[in-house]
């Protein structure tokens, strides 16, 4: 995601609702990796909008190691990763489009 990405920002309230309500107390972490190149813009947006997830900034934009490792070459990008860092699903639905079912299914396995 990025602070300048309108579709990314539109998903934040949905993600916060899932993290704070539906998956609260469950073994789920929402990890948000930003491709912002200006940390100040990123930090200001997180402060203003709030985030229930863990926030990281990838530096190097799409060339950062984490973006390369998980083959994320566009934003917003959603994936499911298990506790060991293995990809369960690398291109899943967004919070507003039904990722809840995918997360629930992953927790059952």
PDB file of N, CA and C in Angstrom:
ATOM      1  N   UNK A   1       0.837  -1.160   0.000  1.00  0.00           N
ATOM      2  CA  UNK A   1       0.000   0.000   0.000  1.00  0.00           C
ATOM      3  C   UNK A   1       0.884   1.223   0.000  1.00  0.00           C
ATOM      4  N   UNK A   2       0.276   2.397  -0.124  1.00  0.00           N
ATOM      5  CA  UNK A   2       1.001   3.665  -0.049  1.00  0.00           C
ATOM      6  C   UNK A   2       0.033   4.770   0.355  1.00  0.00           C
ATOM      7  N   UNK A   3       0.559   5.782   0.991  1.00  0.00           N
ATOM      8  CA  UNK A   3      -0.282   6.885   1.443  1.00  0.00           C
ATOM      9  C   UNK A   3      -0.908   7.651   0.286  1.00  0.00           C
ATOM     10  N   UNK A   4      -0.302   7.604  -0.878  1.00  0.00           N
ATOM     11  CA  UNK A   4      -0.812   8.319  -2.053  1.00  0.00           C
ATOM     12  C   UNK A   4      -1.757   7.468  -2.902  1.00  0.00           C
ATOM     13  N   UNK A   5      -2.013   6.235  -2.510  1.00  0.00           N
ATOM     14  CA  UNK A   5      -2.839   5.295  -3.269  1.00  0.00           C
ATOM     15  C   UNK A   5      -4.283   5.343  -2.754  1.00  0.00           C
ATOM     16  N   UNK A   6      -5.176   5.937  -3.536  1.00  0.00           N
ATOM     17  CA  UNK A   6      -6.575   6.063  -3.112  1.00  0.00           C
ATOM     18  C   UNK A   6      -7.245   4.715  -2.839  1.00  0.00           C
ATOM     19  N   UNK A   7      -7.090   3.694  -3.712  1.00  0.00           N
ATOM     20  CA  UNK A   7      -7.707   2.398  -3.391  1.00  0.00           C
ATOM     21  C   UNK A   7      -7.149   1.773  -2.111  1.00  0.00           C
ATOM     22  N   UNK A   8      -5.873   1.988  -1.856  1.00  0.00           N
ATOM     23  CA  UNK A   8      -5.261   1.465  -0.623  1.00  0.00           C
ATOM     24  C   UNK A   8      -5.881   2.128   0.600  1.00  0.00           C
ATOM     25  N   UNK A   9      -6.002   3.428   0.533  1.00  0.00           N
ATOM     26  CA  UNK A   9      -6.561   4.187   1.652  1.00  0.00           C
ATOM     27  C   UNK A   9      -8.021   3.822   1.886  1.00  0.00           C
ATOM     28  N   UNK A  10      -8.744   3.547   0.826  1.00  0.00           N
ATOM     29  CA  UNK A  10     -10.154   3.176   0.959  1.00  0.00           C
ATOM     30  C   UNK A  10     -10.329   1.863   1.709  1.00  0.00           C
ATOM     31  N   UNK A  11      -9.329   1.001   1.683  1.00  0.00           N
ATOM     32  CA  UNK A  11      -9.402  -0.292   2.359  1.00  0.00           C
ATOM     33  C   UNK A  11      -9.108  -0.211   3.855  1.00  0.00           C
ATOM     34  N   UNK A  12      -8.443   0.850   4.313  1.00  0.00           N
ATOM     35  CA  UNK A  12      -8.051   0.948   5.720  1.00  0.00           C
ATOM     36  C   UNK A  12      -9.219   0.785   6.699  1.00  0.00           C
ATOM     37  N   UNK A  13     -10.353   1.441   6.505  1.00  0.00           N
ATOM     38  CA  UNK A  13     -11.453   1.239   7.461  1.00  0.00           C
ATOM     39  C   UNK A  13     -11.951  -0.211   7.510  1.00  0.00           C
ATOM     40  N   UNK A  14     -11.965  -0.871   6.374  1.00  0.00           N
ATOM     41  CA  UNK A  14     -12.385  -2.280   6.330  1.00  0.00           C
ATOM     42  C   UNK A  14     -11.395  -3.160   7.081  1.00  0.00           C
ATOM     43  N   UNK A  15     -10.114  -2.906   6.851  1.00  0.00           N
ATOM     44  CA  UNK A  15      -9.092  -3.682   7.559  1.00  0.00           C
ATOM     45  C   UNK A  15      -9.180  -3.445   9.060  1.00  0.00           C
ATOM     46  N   UNK A  16      -9.330  -2.192   9.464  1.00  0.00           N
ATOM     47  CA  UNK A  16      -9.432  -1.884  10.889  1.00  0.00           C
ATOM     48  C   UNK A  16     -10.630  -2.580  11.524  1.00  0.00           C
ATOM     49  N   UNK A  17     -11.746  -2.619  10.806  1.00  0.00           N
ATOM     50  CA  UNK A  17     -12.942  -3.297  11.323  1.00  0.00           C
ATOM     51  C   UNK A  17     -12.685  -4.797  11.494  1.00  0.00           C
ATOM     52  N   UNK A  18     -12.043  -5.404  10.499  1.00  0.00           N
ATOM     53  CA  UNK A  18     -11.738  -6.837  10.607  1.00  0.00           C
ATOM     54  C   UNK A  18     -10.789  -7.107  11.773  1.00  0.00           C
ATOM     55  N   UNK A  19      -9.744  -6.293  11.889  1.00  0.00           N
ATOM     56  CA  UNK A  19      -8.748  -6.513  12.937  1.00  0.00           C
ATOM     57  C   UNK A  19      -9.310  -6.241  14.327  1.00  0.00           C
ATOM     58  N   UNK A  20     -10.109  -5.198  14.460  1.00  0.00           N
ATOM     59  CA  UNK A  20     -10.613  -4.806  15.781  1.00  0.00           C
ATOM     60  C   UNK A  20     -11.865  -5.540  16.214  1.00  0.00           C
ATOM     61  N   UNK A  21     -12.586  -6.115  15.267  1.00  0.00           N
ATOM     62  CA  UNK A  21     -13.843  -6.774  15.607  1.00  0.00           C
ATOM     63  C   UNK A  21     -13.812  -8.264  15.276  1.00  0.00           C
ATOM     64  N   UNK A  22     -13.756  -8.580  14.007  1.00  0.00           N
ATOM     65  CA  UNK A  22     -13.928  -9.964  13.571  1.00  0.00           C
ATOM     66  C   UNK A  22     -12.787 -10.880  14.001  1.00  0.00           C
ATOM     67  N   UNK A  23     -11.546 -10.424  13.858  1.00  0.00           N
ATOM     68  CA  UNK A  23     -10.404 -11.288  14.161  1.00  0.00           C
ATOM     69  C   UNK A  23      -9.695 -10.916  15.458  1.00  0.00           C
ATOM     70  N   UNK A  24     -10.273 -10.034  16.245  1.00  0.00           N
ATOM     71  CA  UNK A  24      -9.659  -9.646  17.514  1.00  0.00           C
ATOM     72  C   UNK A  24      -9.522 -10.863  18.421  1.00  0.00           C
ATOM     73  N   UNK A  25      -8.344 -11.046  18.974  1.00  0.00           N
ATOM     74  CA  UNK A  25      -8.089 -12.172  19.861  1.00  0.00           C
ATOM     75  C   UNK A  25      -7.792 -13.474  19.149  1.00  0.00           C
ATOM     76  N   UNK A  26      -7.819 -13.449  17.821  1.00  0.00           N
ATOM     77  CA  UNK A  26      -7.507 -14.652  17.046  1.00  0.00           C
ATOM     78  C   UNK A  26      -6.067 -14.557  16.559  1.00  0.00           C
ATOM     79  N   UNK A  27      -5.551 -15.633  16.078  1.00  0.00           N
ATOM     80  CA  UNK A  27      -4.149 -15.724  15.662  1.00  0.00           C
ATOM     81  C   UNK A  27      -3.956 -15.130  14.255  1.00  0.00           C
ATOM     82  N   UNK A  28      -4.275 -13.824  14.127  1.00  0.00           N
ATOM     83  CA  UNK A  28      -4.204 -13.132  12.845  1.00  0.00           C
ATOM     84  C   UNK A  28      -3.484 -11.803  13.046  1.00  0.00           C
ATOM     85  N   UNK A  29      -2.558 -11.504  12.144  1.00  0.00           N
ATOM     86  CA  UNK A  29      -1.859 -10.222  12.145  1.00  0.00           C
ATOM     87  C   UNK A  29      -2.046  -9.601  10.770  1.00  0.00           C
ATOM     88  N   UNK A  30      -2.474  -8.359  10.746  1.00  0.00           N
ATOM     89  CA  UNK A  30      -2.559  -7.619   9.498  1.00  0.00           C
ATOM     90  C   UNK A  30      -1.247  -6.861   9.342  1.00  0.00           C
ATOM     91  N   UNK A  31      -0.450  -7.280   8.389  1.00  0.00           N
ATOM     92  CA  UNK A  31       0.850  -6.675   8.136  1.00  0.00           C
ATOM     93  C   UNK A  31       0.732  -5.785   6.909  1.00  0.00           C
ATOM     94  N   UNK A  32       1.005  -4.525   7.080  1.00  0.00           N
ATOM     95  CA  UNK A  32       0.886  -3.543   6.007  1.00  0.00           C
ATOM     96  C   UNK A  32       2.287  -3.075   5.626  1.00  0.00           C
ATOM     97  N   UNK A  33       2.663  -3.322   4.398  1.00  0.00           N
ATOM     98  CA  UNK A  33       3.977  -2.910   3.911  1.00  0.00           C
ATOM     99  C   UNK A  33       3.758  -1.774   2.910  1.00  0.00           C
ATOM    100  N   UNK A  34       4.278  -0.622   3.229  1.00  0.00           N
ATOM    101  CA  UNK A  34       4.111   0.556   2.385  1.00  0.00           C
ATOM    102  C   UNK A  34       5.287   0.708   1.430  1.00  0.00           C
ATOM    103  N   UNK A  35       4.977   1.151   0.213  1.00  0.00           N
ATOM    104  CA  UNK A  35       6.024   1.452  -0.766  1.00  0.00           C
ATOM    105  C   UNK A  35       6.264   2.964  -0.846  1.00  0.00           C
ATOM    106  N   UNK A  36       5.775   3.706   0.144  1.00  0.00           N
ATOM    107  CA  UNK A  36       6.032   5.146   0.187  1.00  0.00           C
ATOM    108  C   UNK A  36       7.536   5.414   0.175  1.00  0.00           C
ATOM    109  N   UNK A  37       7.916   6.461  -0.496  1.00  0.00           N
ATOM    110  CA  UNK A  37       9.324   6.864  -0.487  1.00  0.00           C
ATOM    111  C   UNK A  37       9.564   7.998   0.494  1.00  0.00           C
ATOM    112  N   UNK A  38       8.484   8.597   1.011  1.00  0.00           N
ATOM    113  CA  UNK A  38       8.589   9.669   1.999  1.00  0.00           C
ATOM    114  C   UNK A  38       7.944   9.196   3.296  1.00  0.00           C
ATOM    115  N   UNK A  39       8.771   8.829   4.244  1.00  0.00           N
ATOM    116  CA  UNK A  39       8.278   8.276   5.502  1.00  0.00           C
ATOM    117  C   UNK A  39       7.339   9.233   6.227  1.00  0.00           C
ATOM    118  N   UNK A  40       7.559  10.531   6.090  1.00  0.00           N
ATOM    119  CA  UNK A  40       6.720  11.496   6.797  1.00  0.00           C
ATOM    120  C   UNK A  40       5.259  11.407   6.336  1.00  0.00           C
ATOM    121  N   UNK A  41       5.040  11.298   5.041  1.00  0.00           N
ATOM    122  CA  UNK A  41       3.670  11.187   4.512  1.00  0.00           C
ATOM    123  C   UNK A  41       3.002   9.923   5.021  1.00  0.00           C
ATOM    124  N   UNK A  42       3.742   8.845   5.012  1.00  0.00           N
ATOM    125  CA  UNK A  42       3.258   7.554   5.481  1.00  0.00           C
ATOM    126  C   UNK A  42       2.874   7.631   6.960  1.00  0.00           C
ATOM    127  N   UNK A  43       3.773   8.185   7.783  1.00  0.00           N
ATOM    128  CA  UNK A  43       3.517   8.281   9.218  1.00  0.00           C
ATOM    129  C   UNK A  43       2.325   9.185   9.520  1.00  0.00           C
ATOM    130  N   UNK A  44       2.211  10.299   8.802  1.00  0.00           N
ATOM    131  CA  UNK A  44       1.098  11.216   9.022  1.00  0.00           C
ATOM    132  C   UNK A  44      -0.240  10.549   8.711  1.00  0.00           C
ATOM    133  N   UNK A  45      -0.281   9.777   7.640  1.00  0.00           N
ATOM    134  CA  UNK A  45      -1.531   9.113   7.278  1.00  0.00           C
ATOM    135  C   UNK A  45      -1.907   8.057   8.316  1.00  0.00           C
ATOM    136  N   UNK A  46      -0.942   7.296   8.782  1.00  0.00           N
ATOM    137  CA  UNK A  46      -1.226   6.283   9.807  1.00  0.00           C
ATOM    138  C   UNK A  46      -1.761   6.955  11.063  1.00  0.00           C
ATOM    139  N   UNK A  47      -1.149   8.063  11.443  1.00  0.00           N
ATOM    140  CA  UNK A  47      -1.601   8.793  12.627  1.00  0.00           C
ATOM    141  C   UNK A  47      -3.018   9.330  12.424  1.00  0.00           C
ATOM    142  N   UNK A  48      -3.282   9.884  11.255  1.00  0.00           N
ATOM    143  CA  UNK A  48      -4.586  10.489  10.956  1.00  0.00           C
ATOM    144  C   UNK A  48      -5.692   9.442  10.819  1.00  0.00           C
ATOM    145  N   UNK A  49      -5.436   8.392  10.045  1.00  0.00           N
ATOM    146  CA  UNK A  49      -6.460   7.392   9.724  1.00  0.00           C
ATOM    147  C   UNK A  49      -6.520   6.267  10.753  1.00  0.00           C
ATOM    148  N   UNK A  50      -5.423   6.020  11.436  1.00  0.00           N
ATOM    149  CA  UNK A  50      -5.348   4.914  12.367  1.00  0.00           C
ATOM    150  C   UNK A  50      -5.109   3.605  11.633  1.00  0.00           C
ATOM    151  N   UNK A  51      -4.536   2.663  12.302  1.00  0.00           N
ATOM    152  CA  UNK A  51      -4.294   1.351  11.714  1.00  0.00           C
ATOM    153  C   UNK A  51      -4.259   0.300  12.795  1.00  0.00           C
ATOM    154  N   UNK A  52      -5.037  -0.736  12.601  1.00  0.00           N
ATOM    155  CA  UNK A  52      -5.052  -1.842  13.552  1.00  0.00           C
ATOM    156  C   UNK A  52      -3.957  -2.844  13.228  1.00  0.00           C
ATOM    157  N   UNK A  53      -3.333  -2.686  12.084  1.00  0.00           N
ATOM    158  CA  UNK A  53      -2.310  -3.628  11.663  1.00  0.00           C
ATOM    159  C   UNK A  53      -0.908  -3.164  12.006  1.00  0.00           C
ATOM    160  N   UNK A  54       0.042  -4.043  11.780  1.00  0.00           N
ATOM    161  CA  UNK A  54       1.463  -3.726  11.927  1.00  0.00           C
ATOM    162  C   UNK A  54       1.881  -2.975  10.667  1.00  0.00           C
ATOM    163  N   UNK A  55       2.566  -1.871  10.832  1.00  0.00           N
ATOM    164  CA  UNK A  55       2.959  -1.028   9.703  1.00  0.00           C
ATOM    165  C   UNK A  55       4.465  -1.083   9.489  1.00  0.00           C
ATOM    166  N   UNK A  56       4.871  -1.329   8.254  1.00  0.00           N
ATOM    167  CA  UNK A  56       6.272  -1.307   7.849  1.00  0.00           C
ATOM    168  C   UNK A  56       6.398  -0.480   6.583  1.00  0.00           C
ATOM    169  N   UNK A  57       7.559   0.116   6.389  1.00  0.00           N
ATOM    170  CA  UNK A  57       7.818   0.831   5.153  1.00  0.00           C
ATOM    171  C   UNK A  57       8.929   0.090   4.427  1.00  0.00           C
ATOM    172  N   UNK A  58       8.730  -0.155   3.144  1.00  0.00           N
ATOM    173  CA  UNK A  58       9.620  -1.040   2.388  1.00  0.00           C
ATOM    174  C   UNK A  58      10.860  -0.353   1.837  1.00  0.00           C
ATOM    175  N   UNK A  59      10.952   0.962   1.903  1.00  0.00           N
ATOM    176  CA  UNK A  59      12.114   1.601   1.287  1.00  0.00           C
ATOM    177  C   UNK A  59      12.273   1.089  -0.144  1.00  0.00           C
ATOM    178  N   UNK A  60      13.071   1.596  -0.923  1.00  0.00           N
ATOM    179  CA  UNK A  60      13.327   1.117  -2.292  1.00  0.00           C
ATOM    180  C   UNK A  60      12.081   0.825  -3.102  1.00  0.00           C
ATOM    181  N   UNK A  61      10.941   1.296  -2.659  1.00  0.00           N
ATOM    182  CA  UNK A  61       9.700   1.171  -3.414  1.00  0.00           C
ATOM    183  C   UNK A  61       9.426  -0.302  -3.779  1.00  0.00           C
ATOM    184  N   UNK A  62       9.144  -0.618  -5.021  1.00  0.00           N
ATOM    185  CA  UNK A  62       8.823  -1.996  -5.411  1.00  0.00           C
ATOM    186  C   UNK A  62      10.061  -2.878  -5.527  1.00  0.00           C
ATOM    187  N   UNK A  63      11.246  -2.289  -5.447  1.00  0.00           N
ATOM    188  CA  UNK A  63      12.475  -3.068  -5.537  1.00  0.00           C
ATOM    189  C   UNK A  63      12.941  -3.587  -4.180  1.00  0.00           C
ATOM    190  N   UNK A  64      12.196  -3.319  -3.133  1.00  0.00           N
ATOM    191  CA  UNK A  64      12.611  -3.761  -1.801  1.00  0.00           C
ATOM    192  C   UNK A  64      12.554  -5.280  -1.713  1.00  0.00           C
ATOM    193  N   UNK A  65      13.383  -5.847  -0.862  1.00  0.00           N
ATOM    194  CA  UNK A  65      13.420  -7.318  -0.726  1.00  0.00           C
ATOM    195  C   UNK A  65      12.060  -7.938  -0.383  1.00  0.00           C
ATOM    196  N   UNK A  66      11.290  -7.311   0.496  1.00  0.00           N
ATOM    197  CA  UNK A  66      10.008  -7.916   0.875  1.00  0.00           C
ATOM    198  C   UNK A  66       9.022  -7.908  -0.288  1.00  0.00           C
ATOM    199  N   UNK A  67       9.045  -6.860  -1.090  1.00  0.00           N
ATOM    200  CA  UNK A  67       8.154  -6.802  -2.252  1.00  0.00           C
ATOM    201  C   UNK A  67       8.565  -7.854  -3.283  1.00  0.00           C
ATOM    202  N   UNK A  68       9.853  -8.046  -3.441  1.00  0.00           N
ATOM    203  CA  UNK A  68      10.358  -9.048  -4.373  1.00  0.00           C
ATOM    204  C   UNK A  68      10.054 -10.466  -3.865  1.00  0.00           C
ATOM    205  N   UNK A  69      10.277 -10.671  -2.575  1.00  0.00           N
ATOM    206  CA  UNK A  69      10.088 -12.004  -1.990  1.00  0.00           C
ATOM    207  C   UNK A  69       8.655 -12.500  -2.168  1.00  0.00           C
ATOM    208  N   UNK A  70       7.696 -11.593  -2.037  1.00  0.00           N
ATOM    209  CA  UNK A  70       6.294 -11.985  -2.128  1.00  0.00           C
ATOM    210  C   UNK A  70       5.659 -11.592  -3.457  1.00  0.00           C
ATOM    211  N   UNK A  71       6.499 -11.258  -4.428  1.00  0.00           N
ATOM    212  CA  UNK A  71       6.056 -10.990  -5.796  1.00  0.00           C
ATOM    213  C   UNK A  71       4.907  -9.978  -5.841  1.00  0.00           C
ATOM    214  N   UNK A  72       5.060  -8.920  -5.069  1.00  0.00           N
ATOM    215  CA  UNK A  72       4.061  -7.853  -5.046  1.00  0.00           C
ATOM    216  C   UNK A  72       4.557  -6.733  -5.952  1.00  0.00           C
ATOM    217  N   UNK A  73       3.972  -6.624  -7.125  1.00  0.00           N
ATOM    218  CA  UNK A  73       4.447  -5.626  -8.068  1.00  0.00           C
ATOM    219  C   UNK A  73       3.400  -4.567  -8.379  1.00  0.00           C
ATOM    220  N   UNK A  74       2.362  -4.497  -7.564  1.00  0.00           N
ATOM    221  CA  UNK A  74       1.331  -3.482  -7.701  1.00  0.00           C
ATOM    222  C   UNK A  74       0.639  -3.296  -6.363  1.00  0.00           C
ATOM    223  N   UNK A  75      -0.062  -2.189  -6.206  1.00  0.00           N
ATOM    224  CA  UNK A  75      -0.782  -1.934  -4.961  1.00  0.00           C
ATOM    225  C   UNK A  75      -2.186  -1.470  -5.283  1.00  0.00           C
ATOM    226  N   UNK A  76      -3.130  -1.752  -4.423  1.00  0.00           N
ATOM    227  CA  UNK A  76      -2.975  -2.581  -3.234  1.00  0.00           C
ATOM    228  C   UNK A  76      -2.790  -4.050  -3.599  1.00  0.00           C
ATOM    229  N   UNK A  77      -2.071  -4.731  -2.772  1.00  0.00           N
ATOM    230  CA  UNK A  77      -1.792  -6.156  -2.989  1.00  0.00           C
ATOM    231  C   UNK A  77      -2.074  -6.870  -1.676  1.00  0.00           C
ATOM    232  N   UNK A  78      -2.793  -7.968  -1.743  1.00  0.00           N
ATOM    233  CA  UNK A  78      -3.167  -8.719  -0.543  1.00  0.00           C
ATOM    234  C   UNK A  78      -2.743 -10.166  -0.682  1.00  0.00           C
ATOM    235  N   UNK A  79      -2.209 -10.691   0.388  1.00  0.00           N
ATOM    236  CA  UNK A  79      -1.818 -12.081   0.413  1.00  0.00           C
ATOM    237  C   UNK A  79      -1.997 -12.646   1.810  1.00  0.00           C
ATOM    238  N   UNK A  80      -1.985 -13.940   1.897  1.00  0.00           N
ATOM    239  CA  UNK A  80      -2.041 -14.630   3.187  1.00  0.00           C
ATOM    240  C   UNK A  80      -0.731 -15.370   3.366  1.00  0.00           C
ATOM    241  N   UNK A  81      -0.119 -15.162   4.511  1.00  0.00           N
ATOM    242  CA  UNK A  81       1.181 -15.761   4.809  1.00  0.00           C
ATOM    243  C   UNK A  81       1.061 -16.460   6.157  1.00  0.00           C
ATOM    244  N   UNK A  82       1.571 -17.685   6.236  1.00  0.00           N
ATOM    245  CA  UNK A  82       1.475 -18.409   7.505  1.00  0.00           C
ATOM    246  C   UNK A  82       2.552 -17.944   8.490  1.00  0.00           C
ATOM    247  N   UNK A  83       2.544 -18.517   9.671  1.00  0.00           N
ATOM    248  CA  UNK A  83       3.474 -18.123  10.731  1.00  0.00           C
ATOM    249  C   UNK A  83       4.940 -18.314  10.352  1.00  0.00           C
ATOM    250  N   UNK A  84       5.196 -19.212   9.413  1.00  0.00           N
ATOM    251  CA  UNK A  84       6.570 -19.486   9.001  1.00  0.00           C
ATOM    252  C   UNK A  84       7.014 -18.658   7.797  1.00  0.00           C
ATOM    253  N   UNK A  85       6.154 -17.757   7.346  1.00  0.00           N
ATOM    254  CA  UNK A  85       6.496 -16.909   6.208  1.00  0.00           C
ATOM    255  C   UNK A  85       6.176 -17.527   4.865  1.00  0.00           C
ATOM    256  N   UNK A  86       5.518 -18.671   4.866  1.00  0.00           N
ATOM    257  CA  UNK A  86       5.145 -19.326   3.616  1.00  0.00           C
ATOM    258  C   UNK A  86       3.859 -18.715   3.053  1.00  0.00           C
ATOM    259  N   UNK A  87       3.826 -18.543   1.757  1.00  0.00           N
ATOM    260  CA  UNK A  87       2.654 -17.970   1.108  1.00  0.00           C
ATOM    261  C   UNK A  87       1.536 -19.006   1.047  1.00  0.00           C
ATOM    262  N   UNK A  88       0.385 -18.673   1.610  1.00  0.00           N
ATOM    263  CA  UNK A  88      -0.816 -19.488   1.489  1.00  0.00           C
ATOM    264  C   UNK A  88      -1.531 -19.079   0.208  1.00  0.00           C
ATOM    265  N   UNK A  89      -1.662 -17.773   0.029  1.00  0.00           N
ATOM    266  CA  UNK A  89      -2.307 -17.198  -1.156  1.00  0.00           C
ATOM    267  C   UNK A  89      -1.633 -15.853  -1.422  1.00  0.00           C
ATOM    268  N   UNK A  90      -1.099 -15.677  -2.616  1.00  0.00           N
ATOM    269  CA  UNK A  90      -0.353 -14.452  -2.910  1.00  0.00           C
ATOM    270  C   UNK A  90      -1.191 -13.360  -3.554  1.00  0.00           C
ATOM    271  N   UNK A  91      -2.379 -13.663  -3.958  1.00  0.00           N
ATOM    272  CA  UNK A  91      -3.211 -12.648  -4.587  1.00  0.00           C
ATOM    273  C   UNK A  91      -4.658 -12.882  -4.167  1.00  0.00           C
ATOM    274  N   UNK A  92      -4.949 -12.515  -2.943  1.00  0.00           N
ATOM    275  CA  UNK A  92      -6.268 -12.769  -2.389  1.00  0.00           C
ATOM    276  C   UNK A  92      -7.128 -11.509  -2.438  1.00  0.00           C
ATOM    277  N   UNK A  93      -8.329 -11.626  -1.977  1.00  0.00           N
ATOM    278  CA  UNK A  93      -9.270 -10.506  -1.985  1.00  0.00           C
ATOM    279  C   UNK A  93      -8.860  -9.443  -0.967  1.00  0.00           C
ATOM    280  N   UNK A  94      -9.362  -8.246  -1.175  1.00  0.00           N
ATOM    281  CA  UNK A  94      -9.117  -7.139  -0.254  1.00  0.00           C
ATOM    282  C   UNK A  94     -10.066  -7.254   0.944  1.00  0.00           C
ATOM    283  N   UNK A  95      -9.825  -6.471   2.000  1.00  0.00           N
ATOM    284  CA  UNK A  95     -10.750  -6.491   3.132  1.00  0.00           C
ATOM    285  C   UNK A  95     -12.192  -6.167   2.749  1.00  0.00           C
ATOM    286  N   UNK A  96     -12.396  -5.272   1.800  1.00  0.00           N
ATOM    287  CA  UNK A  96     -13.767  -4.915   1.417  1.00  0.00           C
ATOM    288  C   UNK A  96     -14.402  -5.914   0.459  1.00  0.00           C
ATOM    289  N   UNK A  97     -13.597  -6.802  -0.100  1.00  0.00           N
ATOM    290  CA  UNK A  97     -14.103  -7.734  -1.111  1.00  0.00           C
ATOM    291  C   UNK A  97     -14.146  -9.194  -0.653  1.00  0.00           C
ATOM    292  N   UNK A  98     -13.967  -9.442   0.630  1.00  0.00           N
ATOM    293  CA  UNK A  98     -14.187 -10.797   1.121  1.00  0.00           C
ATOM    294  C   UNK A  98     -12.991 -11.589   1.591  1.00  0.00           C
ATOM    295  N   UNK A  99     -11.913 -10.925   1.990  1.00  0.00           N
ATOM    296  CA  UNK A  99     -10.758 -11.665   2.495  1.00  0.00           C
ATOM    297  C   UNK A  99     -11.104 -12.437   3.769  1.00  0.00           C
ATOM    298  N   UNK A 100     -12.192 -12.054   4.424  1.00  0.00           N
ATOM    299  CA  UNK A 100     -12.612 -12.718   5.663  1.00  0.00           C
ATOM    300  C   UNK A 100     -12.739 -14.222   5.471  1.00  0.00           C
ATOM    301  N   UNK A 101     -13.345 -14.648   4.387  1.00  0.00           N
ATOM    302  CA  UNK A 101     -13.513 -16.082   4.123  1.00  0.00           C
ATOM    303  C   UNK A 101     -12.163 -16.761   3.946  1.00  0.00           C
ATOM    304  N   UNK A 102     -11.236 -16.107   3.248  1.00  0.00           N
ATOM    305  CA  UNK A 102      -9.915 -16.693   3.026  1.00  0.00           C
ATOM    306  C   UNK A 102      -9.137 -16.827   4.338  1.00  0.00           C
ATOM    307  N   UNK A 103      -9.228 -15.819   5.186  1.00  0.00           N
ATOM    308  CA  UNK A 103      -8.537 -15.872   6.482  1.00  0.00           C
ATOM    309  C   UNK A 103      -9.136 -16.969   7.346  1.00  0.00           C
ATOM    310  N   UNK A 104     -10.464 -17.023   7.412  1.00  0.00           N
ATOM    311  CA  UNK A 104     -11.135 -18.051   8.208  1.00  0.00           C
ATOM    312  C   UNK A 104     -10.735 -19.443   7.746  1.00  0.00           C
ATOM    313  N   UNK A 105     -10.697 -19.655   6.464  1.00  0.00           N
ATOM    314  CA  UNK A 105     -10.302 -20.952   5.907  1.00  0.00           C
ATOM    315  C   UNK A 105      -8.857 -21.280   6.286  1.00  0.00           C
ATOM    316  N   UNK A 106      -7.970 -20.297   6.214  1.00  0.00           N
ATOM    317  CA  UNK A 106      -6.566 -20.514   6.580  1.00  0.00           C
ATOM    318  C   UNK A 106      -6.426 -20.867   8.046  1.00  0.00           C
ATOM    319  N   UNK A 107      -7.245 -20.273   8.901  1.00  0.00           N
ATOM    320  CA  UNK A 107      -7.188 -20.582  10.328  1.00  0.00           C
ATOM    321  C   UNK A 107      -7.660 -21.993  10.624  1.00  0.00           C
ATOM    322  N   UNK A 108      -8.539 -22.517   9.790  1.00  0.00           N
ATOM    323  CA  UNK A 108      -9.052 -23.880   9.983  1.00  0.00           C
ATOM    324  C   UNK A 108      -8.025 -24.945   9.640  1.00  0.00           C
ATOM    325  N   UNK A 109      -7.093 -24.611   8.762  1.00  0.00           N
ATOM    326  CA  UNK A 109      -6.088 -25.595   8.324  1.00  0.00           C
ATOM    327  C   UNK A 109      -4.955 -25.714   9.291  1.00  0.00           C
TER     328      UNK A 109
END
